Amino acid sequence: MTENDFEERRKALKERVKKQLENSSNDTIEEEIVVLESPVESSVDSSEKRNLERILELEMDDKSKLRKMASVLILVGSILGIFSGGIILQGNPSELLNSSIFDQTQSVDITGQTLDLEGHGIYNVSIILLDYDSSETIQSTLTNDNGYFQLKNVKADRMILRVSLEGYDTIERTFDAVDGFMQPFTMKNGSDLVTENFISEDSGWSLEAAVGLSTFIGVVTILTGIVGIQASVEIRRAKRYRRTQYLAGVSLFSRGLIIFGPILILAGMGLLVLTKEQFEDVEEV
């Protein structure tokens, strides 16, 4: 029976009751109205209640599907983060420290000049290259007529260069042999020992520091990915809404495949907002 048919029958019933009013007393009429109207009203209310319950069930079912989708998105994004962390740790350059690449000694040819206070080259100046750690002599040479000297195949490492000539101060310069450029030595009359430090204070990142940073990033990425998996579990439980959102927010730092993981997690958090009334702590409020 359709709703229109039901209304038509209800109207017909009311018309029949009105006709009976003309031939009956007021008490009898009221009794009949109560008797006849009651089942109709009860049937209408029951039908409306069932329809409302069906609508609510459909709405809850749709939001439940959204919540499950949010759980899946956050789970996938977090797994991508753990995968990315594994790649970072797997590509850790710590093994390179002991590899043959770093055992190969690089060398440079160093050219320099000795000058007096007037800027003239000084002839026959003793040039001695010393090891920085042991102070052992590695190479030695003398300057030519124009004060120039050259040291070949110098290990690319920290060294000490001693420049000396009778009647002049002896100069000991500490430097990093990274290229062939050497600033001129200006020599003064005297017999003192003059030390010069040409070591740059800003030496940049060492390989050890890069290894440490890479390891830290990889570990943090994996841990935050695990937090994201826990957030996915919390979504399915639907117990605590704010706790679940906080866990999902932490999982953003897993950076799965740089941007794809965070995008999936953000999408899941958005769906989570739409279904927050399904959580027990939100319903209680």
C-alpha atoms as a PDB file:
ATOM      1  CA  MET A   1       0.000   0.000   0.000  1.00  0.00           C
ATOM      2  CA  THR A   2       1.296   3.386  -1.016  1.00  0.00           C
ATOM      3  CA  GLU A   3       1.214   6.464   1.151  1.00  0.00           C
ATOM      4  CA  ASN A   4      -1.495   8.066  -1.043  1.00  0.00           C
ATOM      5  CA  ASP A   5      -3.760   5.039  -0.721  1.00  0.00           C
ATOM      6  CA  PHE A   6      -3.289   5.111   3.002  1.00  0.00           C
ATOM      7  CA  GLU A   7      -4.287   8.794   3.199  1.00  0.00           C
ATOM      8  CA  GLU A   8      -7.365   8.221   1.043  1.00  0.00           C
ATOM      9  CA  ARG A   9      -8.566   5.422   3.253  1.00  0.00           C
ATOM     10  CA  ARG A  10      -7.947   7.542   6.304  1.00  0.00           C
ATOM     11  CA  LYS A  11     -10.040  10.387   4.874  1.00  0.00           C
ATOM     12  CA  ALA A  12     -12.852   7.984   3.988  1.00  0.00           C
ATOM     13  CA  LEU A  13     -12.831   6.685   7.524  1.00  0.00           C
ATOM     14  CA  LYS A  14     -13.139  10.207   8.901  1.00  0.00           C
ATOM     15  CA  GLU A  15     -16.075  10.959   6.600  1.00  0.00           C
ATOM     16  CA  ARG A  16     -17.860   7.863   7.842  1.00  0.00           C
ATOM     17  CA  VAL A  17     -17.321   8.970  11.421  1.00  0.00           C
ATOM     18  CA  LYS A  18     -18.774  12.413  10.696  1.00  0.00           C
ATOM     19  CA  LYS A  19     -21.951  10.880   9.292  1.00  0.00           C
ATOM     20  CA  GLN A  20     -22.355   8.846  12.435  1.00  0.00           C
ATOM     21  CA  LEU A  21     -22.138  12.061  14.449  1.00  0.00           C
ATOM     22  CA  GLU A  22     -25.464  13.141  13.016  1.00  0.00           C
ATOM     23  CA  ASN A  23     -27.312  10.114  14.418  1.00  0.00           C
ATOM     24  CA  SER A  24     -25.483   9.545  17.713  1.00  0.00           C
ATOM     25  CA  SER A  25     -24.984  11.367  20.963  1.00  0.00           C
ATOM     26  CA  ASN A  26     -21.818  13.272  21.724  1.00  0.00           C
ATOM     27  CA  ASP A  27     -20.568  10.618  24.172  1.00  0.00           C
ATOM     28  CA  THR A  28     -21.026   7.810  21.684  1.00  0.00           C
ATOM     29  CA  ILE A  29     -19.332   9.843  18.938  1.00  0.00           C
ATOM     30  CA  GLU A  30     -16.298  10.599  21.057  1.00  0.00           C
ATOM     31  CA  GLU A  31     -15.946   6.945  21.981  1.00  0.00           C
ATOM     32  CA  GLU A  32     -16.094   5.870  18.343  1.00  0.00           C
ATOM     33  CA  ILE A  33     -13.586   8.525  17.316  1.00  0.00           C
ATOM     34  CA  VAL A  34     -11.166   7.298  19.907  1.00  0.00           C
ATOM     35  CA  VAL A  35     -11.690   3.701  18.881  1.00  0.00           C
ATOM     36  CA  LEU A  36     -11.454   4.381  15.148  1.00  0.00           C
ATOM     37  CA  GLU A  37      -8.811   7.082  15.123  1.00  0.00           C
ATOM     38  CA  SER A  38      -6.393   5.358  17.464  1.00  0.00           C
ATOM     39  CA  PRO A  39      -5.270   2.533  15.145  1.00  0.00           C
ATOM     40  CA  VAL A  40      -4.850   4.970  12.248  1.00  0.00           C
ATOM     41  CA  GLU A  41      -2.692   7.388  14.196  1.00  0.00           C
ATOM     42  CA  SER A  42      -0.693   4.554  15.666  1.00  0.00           C
ATOM     43  CA  SER A  43      -0.068   3.090  12.211  1.00  0.00           C
ATOM     44  CA  VAL A  44       1.050   6.460  10.837  1.00  0.00           C
ATOM     45  CA  ASP A  45       3.442   7.099  13.741  1.00  0.00           C
ATOM     46  CA  SER A  46       4.880   3.628  13.460  1.00  0.00           C
ATOM     47  CA  SER A  47       5.479   4.037   9.730  1.00  0.00           C
ATOM     48  CA  GLU A  48       7.176   7.420  10.208  1.00  0.00           C
ATOM     49  CA  LYS A  49       9.365   6.002  12.944  1.00  0.00           C
ATOM     50  CA  ARG A  50      10.479   3.106  10.761  1.00  0.00           C
ATOM     51  CA  ASN A  51      11.307   5.469   7.894  1.00  0.00           C
ATOM     52  CA  LEU A  52      13.319   7.695  10.207  1.00  0.00           C
ATOM     53  CA  GLU A  53      15.218   4.706  11.560  1.00  0.00           C
ATOM     54  CA  ARG A  54      16.044   3.557   8.040  1.00  0.00           C
ATOM     55  CA  ILE A  55      17.360   7.028   7.147  1.00  0.00           C
ATOM     56  CA  LEU A  56      19.528   7.147  10.261  1.00  0.00           C
ATOM     57  CA  GLU A  57      20.854   3.666   9.561  1.00  0.00           C
ATOM     58  CA  LEU A  58      21.802   4.679   6.025  1.00  0.00           C
ATOM     59  CA  GLU A  59      23.548   7.822   7.272  1.00  0.00           C
ATOM     60  CA  MET A  60      25.490   5.862   9.890  1.00  0.00           C
ATOM     61  CA  ASP A  61      26.437   3.259   7.317  1.00  0.00           C
ATOM     62  CA  ASP A  62      27.763   5.927   4.921  1.00  0.00           C
ATOM     63  CA  LYS A  63      29.804   7.607   7.672  1.00  0.00           C
ATOM     64  CA  SER A  64      31.114   4.247   8.793  1.00  0.00           C
ATOM     65  CA  LYS A  65      32.393   3.677   5.262  1.00  0.00           C
ATOM     66  CA  LEU A  66      34.065   7.097   5.296  1.00  0.00           C
ATOM     67  CA  ARG A  67      35.730   6.273   8.608  1.00  0.00           C
ATOM     68  CA  LYS A  68      37.055   3.006   7.223  1.00  0.00           C
ATOM     69  CA  MET A  69      38.331   4.845   4.163  1.00  0.00           C
ATOM     70  CA  ALA A  70      40.119   7.333   6.430  1.00  0.00           C
ATOM     71  CA  SER A  71      41.730   4.410   8.242  1.00  0.00           C
ATOM     72  CA  VAL A  72      42.954   2.910   4.967  1.00  0.00           C
ATOM     73  CA  LEU A  73      44.370   6.233   3.682  1.00  0.00           C
ATOM     74  CA  ILE A  74      46.320   6.884   6.870  1.00  0.00           C
ATOM     75  CA  LEU A  75      47.533   3.280   6.929  1.00  0.00           C
ATOM     76  CA  VAL A  76      48.812   3.439   3.343  1.00  0.00           C
ATOM     77  CA  GLY A  77      50.467   6.826   3.918  1.00  0.00           C
ATOM     78  CA  SER A  78      52.197   5.524   7.043  1.00  0.00           C
ATOM     79  CA  ILE A  79      53.434   2.379   5.310  1.00  0.00           C
ATOM     80  CA  LEU A  80      54.912   4.555   2.575  1.00  0.00           C
ATOM     81  CA  GLY A  81      56.675   6.515   5.337  1.00  0.00           C
ATOM     82  CA  ILE A  82      58.176   3.348   6.820  1.00  0.00           C
ATOM     83  CA  PHE A  83      59.262   2.321   3.326  1.00  0.00           C
ATOM     84  CA  SER A  84      60.946   5.715   2.825  1.00  0.00           C
ATOM     85  CA  GLY A  85      62.714   5.422   6.183  1.00  0.00           C
ATOM     86  CA  GLY A  86      64.016   2.012   5.176  1.00  0.00           C
ATOM     87  CA  ILE A  87      65.391   3.474   1.948  1.00  0.00           C
ATOM     88  CA  ILE A  88      67.154   6.228   3.902  1.00  0.00           C
ATOM     89  CA  LEU A  89      68.788   3.745   6.276  1.00  0.00           C
ATOM     90  CA  GLN A  90      69.656   1.357   3.469  1.00  0.00           C
ATOM     91  CA  GLY A  91      71.410   4.152   1.623  1.00  0.00           C
ATOM     92  CA  ASN A  92      73.381   5.147   4.727  1.00  0.00           C
ATOM     93  CA  PRO A  93      76.917   6.157   3.633  1.00  0.00           C
ATOM     94  CA  SER A  94      78.578   4.829   6.787  1.00  0.00           C
ATOM     95  CA  GLU A  95      79.988   1.848   4.870  1.00  0.00           C
ATOM     96  CA  LEU A  96      81.764   4.244   2.545  1.00  0.00           C
ATOM     97  CA  LEU A  97      84.028   5.346   5.383  1.00  0.00           C
ATOM     98  CA  ASN A  98      85.911   2.062   5.242  1.00  0.00           C
ATOM     99  CA  SER A  99      85.588   1.455   1.530  1.00  0.00           C
ATOM    100  CA  SER A 100      88.441   1.470  -0.973  1.00  0.00           C
ATOM    101  CA  ILE A 101      87.252   4.787  -2.365  1.00  0.00           C
ATOM    102  CA  PHE A 102      88.560   6.632   0.653  1.00  0.00           C
ATOM    103  CA  ASP A 103      91.736   4.549   0.757  1.00  0.00           C
ATOM    104  CA  GLN A 104      92.823   6.028  -2.524  1.00  0.00           C
ATOM    105  CA  THR A 105      95.159   8.913  -1.708  1.00  0.00           C
ATOM    106  CA  GLN A 106      94.570  12.065  -3.657  1.00  0.00           C
ATOM    107  CA  SER A 107      97.519  14.382  -4.188  1.00  0.00           C
ATOM    108  CA  VAL A 108      98.146  17.939  -5.342  1.00  0.00           C
ATOM    109  CA  ASP A 109     101.115  19.919  -6.603  1.00  0.00           C
ATOM    110  CA  ILE A 110     101.791  22.965  -4.449  1.00  0.00           C
ATOM    111  CA  THR A 111     103.487  26.057  -5.836  1.00  0.00           C
ATOM    112  CA  GLY A 112     104.534  29.007  -3.665  1.00  0.00           C
ATOM    113  CA  GLN A 113     106.878  31.957  -3.384  1.00  0.00           C
ATOM    114  CA  THR A 114     109.041  33.619  -0.724  1.00  0.00           C
ATOM    115  CA  LEU A 115     109.307  37.419  -0.685  1.00  0.00           C
ATOM    116  CA  ASP A 116     111.153  40.038   1.332  1.00  0.00           C
ATOM    117  CA  LEU A 117     109.461  43.133   2.767  1.00  0.00           C
ATOM    118  CA  GLU A 118     109.958  44.983  -0.550  1.00  0.00           C
ATOM    119  CA  GLY A 119     108.243  42.227  -2.521  1.00  0.00           C
ATOM    120  CA  HIS A 120     111.354  40.741  -4.130  1.00  0.00           C
ATOM    121  CA  GLY A 121     111.796  36.990  -4.456  1.00  0.00           C
ATOM    122  CA  ILE A 122     114.346  35.387  -2.136  1.00  0.00           C
ATOM    123  CA  TYR A 123     116.723  32.796  -3.545  1.00  0.00           C
ATOM    124  CA  ASN A 124     117.785  29.479  -1.954  1.00  0.00           C
ATOM    125  CA  VAL A 125     115.200  29.455   0.843  1.00  0.00           C
ATOM    126  CA  SER A 126     114.765  26.031   2.482  1.00  0.00           C
ATOM    127  CA  ILE A 127     111.253  24.633   2.050  1.00  0.00           C
ATOM    128  CA  ILE A 128     110.379  21.607   4.201  1.00  0.00           C
ATOM    129  CA  LEU A 129     107.009  19.849   4.181  1.00  0.00           C
ATOM    130  CA  LEU A 130     106.165  18.218   7.530  1.00  0.00           C
ATOM    131  CA  ASP A 131     103.492  15.741   8.551  1.00  0.00           C
ATOM    132  CA  TYR A 132     100.928  17.484  10.784  1.00  0.00           C
ATOM    133  CA  ASP A 133     100.609  14.655  13.316  1.00  0.00           C
ATOM    134  CA  SER A 134     104.170  13.301  13.533  1.00  0.00           C
ATOM    135  CA  SER A 135     106.191  16.347  12.337  1.00  0.00           C
ATOM    136  CA  GLU A 136     108.227  14.015  10.135  1.00  0.00           C
ATOM    137  CA  THR A 137     109.746  15.455   6.981  1.00  0.00           C
ATOM    138  CA  ILE A 138     107.864  14.464   3.838  1.00  0.00           C
ATOM    139  CA  GLN A 139     109.535  16.597   1.181  1.00  0.00           C
ATOM    140  CA  SER A 140     112.084  19.367   0.952  1.00  0.00           C
ATOM    141  CA  THR A 141     113.239  21.771  -1.770  1.00  0.00           C
ATOM    142  CA  LEU A 142     114.839  25.198  -2.349  1.00  0.00           C
ATOM    143  CA  THR A 143     113.478  28.337  -3.989  1.00  0.00           C
ATOM    144  CA  ASN A 144     114.774  29.461  -7.394  1.00  0.00           C
ATOM    145  CA  ASP A 145     116.128  32.892  -8.372  1.00  0.00           C
ATOM    146  CA  ASN A 146     112.641  34.432  -8.254  1.00  0.00           C
ATOM    147  CA  GLY A 147     111.762  32.852  -4.901  1.00  0.00           C
ATOM    148  CA  TYR A 148     109.427  30.221  -6.360  1.00  0.00           C
ATOM    149  CA  PHE A 149     109.242  26.622  -5.208  1.00  0.00           C
ATOM    150  CA  GLN A 150     107.131  23.594  -6.047  1.00  0.00           C
ATOM    151  CA  LEU A 151     106.204  20.463  -4.122  1.00  0.00           C
ATOM    152  CA  LYS A 152     104.761  17.614  -6.194  1.00  0.00           C
ATOM    153  CA  ASN A 153     102.347  14.841  -5.248  1.00  0.00           C
ATOM    154  CA  VAL A 154     101.504  16.259  -1.841  1.00  0.00           C
ATOM    155  CA  LYS A 155      98.905  14.215   0.023  1.00  0.00           C
ATOM    156  CA  ALA A 156      95.567  16.059   0.250  1.00  0.00           C
ATOM    157  CA  ASP A 157      95.667  16.375   4.023  1.00  0.00           C
ATOM    158  CA  ARG A 158      96.619  18.769   6.805  1.00  0.00           C
ATOM    159  CA  MET A 159     100.311  19.677   6.585  1.00  0.00           C
ATOM    160  CA  ILE A 160     102.986  21.997   7.984  1.00  0.00           C
ATOM    161  CA  LEU A 161     105.305  23.932   5.689  1.00  0.00           C
ATOM    162  CA  ARG A 162     108.551  25.237   7.207  1.00  0.00           C
ATOM    163  CA  VAL A 163     110.315  28.111   5.402  1.00  0.00           C
ATOM    164  CA  SER A 164     113.755  29.087   6.672  1.00  0.00           C
ATOM    165  CA  LEU A 165     116.889  30.986   5.624  1.00  0.00           C
ATOM    166  CA  GLU A 166     119.800  32.237   7.691  1.00  0.00           C
ATOM    167  CA  GLY A 167     119.269  35.852   8.732  1.00  0.00           C
ATOM    168  CA  TYR A 168     115.452  35.604   8.452  1.00  0.00           C
ATOM    169  CA  ASP A 169     112.699  34.486  10.776  1.00  0.00           C
ATOM    170  CA  THR A 170     111.640  30.869  10.286  1.00  0.00           C
ATOM    171  CA  ILE A 171     107.994  30.521   9.245  1.00  0.00           C
ATOM    172  CA  GLU A 172     105.904  27.429   9.992  1.00  0.00           C
ATOM    173  CA  ARG A 173     102.543  27.479   8.241  1.00  0.00           C
ATOM    174  CA  THR A 174      99.777  24.967   8.995  1.00  0.00           C
ATOM    175  CA  PHE A 175      97.452  24.446   6.045  1.00  0.00           C
ATOM    176  CA  ASP A 176      95.121  21.995   4.292  1.00  0.00           C
ATOM    177  CA  ALA A 177      96.597  20.750   1.031  1.00  0.00           C
ATOM    178  CA  VAL A 178      93.347  20.834  -0.935  1.00  0.00           C
ATOM    179  CA  ASP A 179      94.591  22.718  -4.002  1.00  0.00           C
ATOM    180  CA  GLY A 180      97.810  23.967  -5.513  1.00  0.00           C
ATOM    181  CA  PHE A 181      97.393  27.568  -4.407  1.00  0.00           C
ATOM    182  CA  MET A 182      99.735  28.818  -1.689  1.00  0.00           C
ATOM    183  CA  GLN A 183      99.870  32.436  -0.529  1.00  0.00           C
ATOM    184  CA  PRO A 184     103.391  33.971  -0.651  1.00  0.00           C
ATOM    185  CA  PHE A 185     105.633  33.872   2.430  1.00  0.00           C
ATOM    186  CA  THR A 186     106.790  37.319   3.502  1.00  0.00           C
ATOM    187  CA  MET A 187     110.089  36.921   5.346  1.00  0.00           C
ATOM    188  CA  LYS A 188     111.536  39.416   7.831  1.00  0.00           C
ATOM    189  CA  ASN A 189     115.056  39.761   9.146  1.00  0.00           C
ATOM    190  CA  GLY A 190     115.521  38.011  12.464  1.00  0.00           C
ATOM    191  CA  SER A 191     115.928  34.628  14.088  1.00  0.00           C
ATOM    192  CA  ASP A 192     112.492  33.968  15.596  1.00  0.00           C
ATOM    193  CA  LEU A 193     109.965  31.226  14.844  1.00  0.00           C
ATOM    194  CA  VAL A 194     106.761  32.587  13.356  1.00  0.00           C
ATOM    195  CA  THR A 195     103.704  30.312  13.159  1.00  0.00           C
ATOM    196  CA  GLU A 196     100.896  30.868  10.700  1.00  0.00           C
ATOM    197  CA  ASN A 197      97.518  29.120  10.747  1.00  0.00           C
ATOM    198  CA  PHE A 198      95.787  28.867   7.397  1.00  0.00           C
ATOM    199  CA  ILE A 199      93.157  26.366   8.581  1.00  0.00           C
ATOM    200  CA  SER A 200      89.610  27.418   7.827  1.00  0.00           C
ATOM    201  CA  GLU A 201      87.378  27.415  10.912  1.00  0.00           C
ATOM    202  CA  ASP A 202      84.339  26.534   8.820  1.00  0.00           C
ATOM    203  CA  SER A 203      85.296  23.134   7.530  1.00  0.00           C
ATOM    204  CA  GLY A 204      81.697  22.219   6.573  1.00  0.00           C
ATOM    205  CA  TRP A 205      79.936  18.924   7.108  1.00  0.00           C
ATOM    206  CA  SER A 206      82.067  15.877   7.707  1.00  0.00           C
ATOM    207  CA  LEU A 207      81.032  12.512   6.349  1.00  0.00           C
ATOM    208  CA  GLU A 208      80.523  11.248   9.895  1.00  0.00           C
ATOM    209  CA  ALA A 209      78.079  14.090  10.592  1.00  0.00           C
ATOM    210  CA  ALA A 210      76.201  13.340   7.376  1.00  0.00           C
ATOM    211  CA  VAL A 211      75.963   9.677   8.366  1.00  0.00           C
ATOM    212  CA  GLY A 212      74.582  10.600  11.794  1.00  0.00           C
ATOM    213  CA  LEU A 213      71.979  12.968  10.355  1.00  0.00           C
ATOM    214  CA  SER A 214      70.897  10.450   7.730  1.00  0.00           C
ATOM    215  CA  THR A 215      70.498   7.735  10.363  1.00  0.00           C
ATOM    216  CA  PHE A 216      68.485  10.044  12.629  1.00  0.00           C
ATOM    217  CA  ILE A 217      66.122  11.043   9.812  1.00  0.00           C
ATOM    218  CA  GLY A 218      65.626   7.419   8.797  1.00  0.00           C
ATOM    219  CA  VAL A 219      64.816   6.299  12.351  1.00  0.00           C
ATOM    220  CA  VAL A 220      62.396   9.211  12.941  1.00  0.00           C
ATOM    221  CA  THR A 221      60.674   8.483   9.633  1.00  0.00           C
ATOM    222  CA  ILE A 222      60.107   4.841  10.565  1.00  0.00           C
ATOM    223  CA  LEU A 223      58.905   5.666  14.103  1.00  0.00           C
ATOM    224  CA  THR A 224      56.382   8.243  12.898  1.00  0.00           C
ATOM    225  CA  GLY A 225      55.172   5.751  10.297  1.00  0.00           C
ATOM    226  CA  ILE A 226      54.515   3.255  13.092  1.00  0.00           C
ATOM    227  CA  VAL A 227      52.555   5.965  14.929  1.00  0.00           C
ATOM    228  CA  GLY A 228      50.444   6.345  11.780  1.00  0.00           C
ATOM    229  CA  ILE A 229      49.645   2.636  11.793  1.00  0.00           C
ATOM    230  CA  GLN A 230      48.477   2.994  15.390  1.00  0.00           C
ATOM    231  CA  ALA A 231      46.294   5.938  14.308  1.00  0.00           C
ATOM    232  CA  SER A 232      44.696   3.698  11.656  1.00  0.00           C
ATOM    233  CA  VAL A 233      43.893   1.128  14.351  1.00  0.00           C
ATOM    234  CA  GLU A 234      42.408   3.825  16.606  1.00  0.00           C
ATOM    235  CA  ILE A 235      40.130   4.967  13.779  1.00  0.00           C
ATOM    236  CA  ARG A 236      38.638   1.495  13.480  1.00  0.00           C
ATOM    237  CA  ARG A 237      38.123   1.314  17.233  1.00  0.00           C
ATOM    238  CA  ALA A 238      36.390   4.735  17.235  1.00  0.00           C
ATOM    239  CA  LYS A 239      37.140   5.316  20.910  1.00  0.00           C
ATOM    240  CA  ARG A 240      38.976   8.661  21.265  1.00  0.00           C
ATOM    241  CA  TYR A 241      38.683  11.216  18.504  1.00  0.00           C
ATOM    242  CA  ARG A 242      41.292  13.780  19.561  1.00  0.00           C
ATOM    243  CA  ARG A 243      43.885  11.140  20.416  1.00  0.00           C
ATOM    244  CA  THR A 244      43.395   9.617  16.985  1.00  0.00           C
ATOM    245  CA  GLN A 245      43.811  12.955  15.234  1.00  0.00           C
ATOM    246  CA  TYR A 246      47.003  13.693  17.189  1.00  0.00           C
ATOM    247  CA  LEU A 247      48.481  10.340  16.205  1.00  0.00           C
ATOM    248  CA  ALA A 248      47.575  10.950  12.569  1.00  0.00           C
ATOM    249  CA  GLY A 249      49.204  14.393  12.754  1.00  0.00           C
ATOM    250  CA  VAL A 250      52.441  12.889  14.060  1.00  0.00           C
ATOM    251  CA  SER A 251      52.440  10.385  11.202  1.00  0.00           C
ATOM    252  CA  LEU A 252      52.740  13.272   8.726  1.00  0.00           C
ATOM    253  CA  PHE A 253      56.435  13.441   9.642  1.00  0.00           C
ATOM    254  CA  SER A 254      56.947  10.006   8.096  1.00  0.00           C
ATOM    255  CA  ARG A 255      57.078  11.803   4.707  1.00  0.00           C
ATOM    256  CA  GLY A 256      56.222   8.726   2.676  1.00  0.00           C
ATOM    257  CA  LEU A 257      57.809   9.152  -0.778  1.00  0.00           C
ATOM    258  CA  ILE A 258      58.320  12.837   0.078  1.00  0.00           C
ATOM    259  CA  ILE A 259      54.766  14.120  -0.586  1.00  0.00           C
ATOM    260  CA  PHE A 260      52.503  11.184  -1.484  1.00  0.00           C
ATOM    261  CA  GLY A 261      52.344   9.769   2.031  1.00  0.00           C
ATOM    262  CA  PRO A 262      51.472  13.101   3.706  1.00  0.00           C
ATOM    263  CA  ILE A 263      48.792  13.776   1.068  1.00  0.00           C
ATOM    264  CA  LEU A 264      47.101  10.445   1.830  1.00  0.00           C
ATOM    265  CA  ILE A 265      47.312  11.053   5.572  1.00  0.00           C
ATOM    266  CA  LEU A 266      45.854  14.565   5.241  1.00  0.00           C
ATOM    267  CA  ALA A 267      42.988  13.186   3.164  1.00  0.00           C
ATOM    268  CA  GLY A 268      42.333  10.591   5.869  1.00  0.00           C
ATOM    269  CA  MET A 269      42.351  13.266   8.571  1.00  0.00           C
ATOM    270  CA  GLY A 270      39.815  15.243   6.561  1.00  0.00           C
ATOM    271  CA  LEU A 271      37.467  12.264   6.353  1.00  0.00           C
ATOM    272  CA  LEU A 272      38.007  11.721  10.060  1.00  0.00           C
ATOM    273  CA  VAL A 273      36.604  15.186  10.788  1.00  0.00           C
ATOM    274  CA  LEU A 274      33.420  14.288   8.895  1.00  0.00           C
ATOM    275  CA  THR A 275      32.889  11.155  10.979  1.00  0.00           C
ATOM    276  CA  LYS A 276      33.958  12.345  14.413  1.00  0.00           C
ATOM    277  CA  GLU A 277      30.464  11.864  15.913  1.00  0.00           C
ATOM    278  CA  GLN A 278      30.995   8.119  15.547  1.00  0.00           C
ATOM    279  CA  PHE A 279      33.658   8.196  18.266  1.00  0.00           C
ATOM    280  CA  GLU A 280      32.547   7.341  21.760  1.00  0.00           C
ATOM    281  CA  ASP A 281      34.037  10.385  23.489  1.00  0.00           C
ATOM    282  CA  VAL A 282      32.335  12.738  20.994  1.00  0.00           C
ATOM    283  CA  GLU A 283      28.952  11.017  21.468  1.00  0.00           C
ATOM    284  CA  GLU A 284      29.238  11.410  25.230  1.00  0.00           C
ATOM    285  CA  VAL A 285      29.776  15.164  24.900  1.00  0.00           C
END
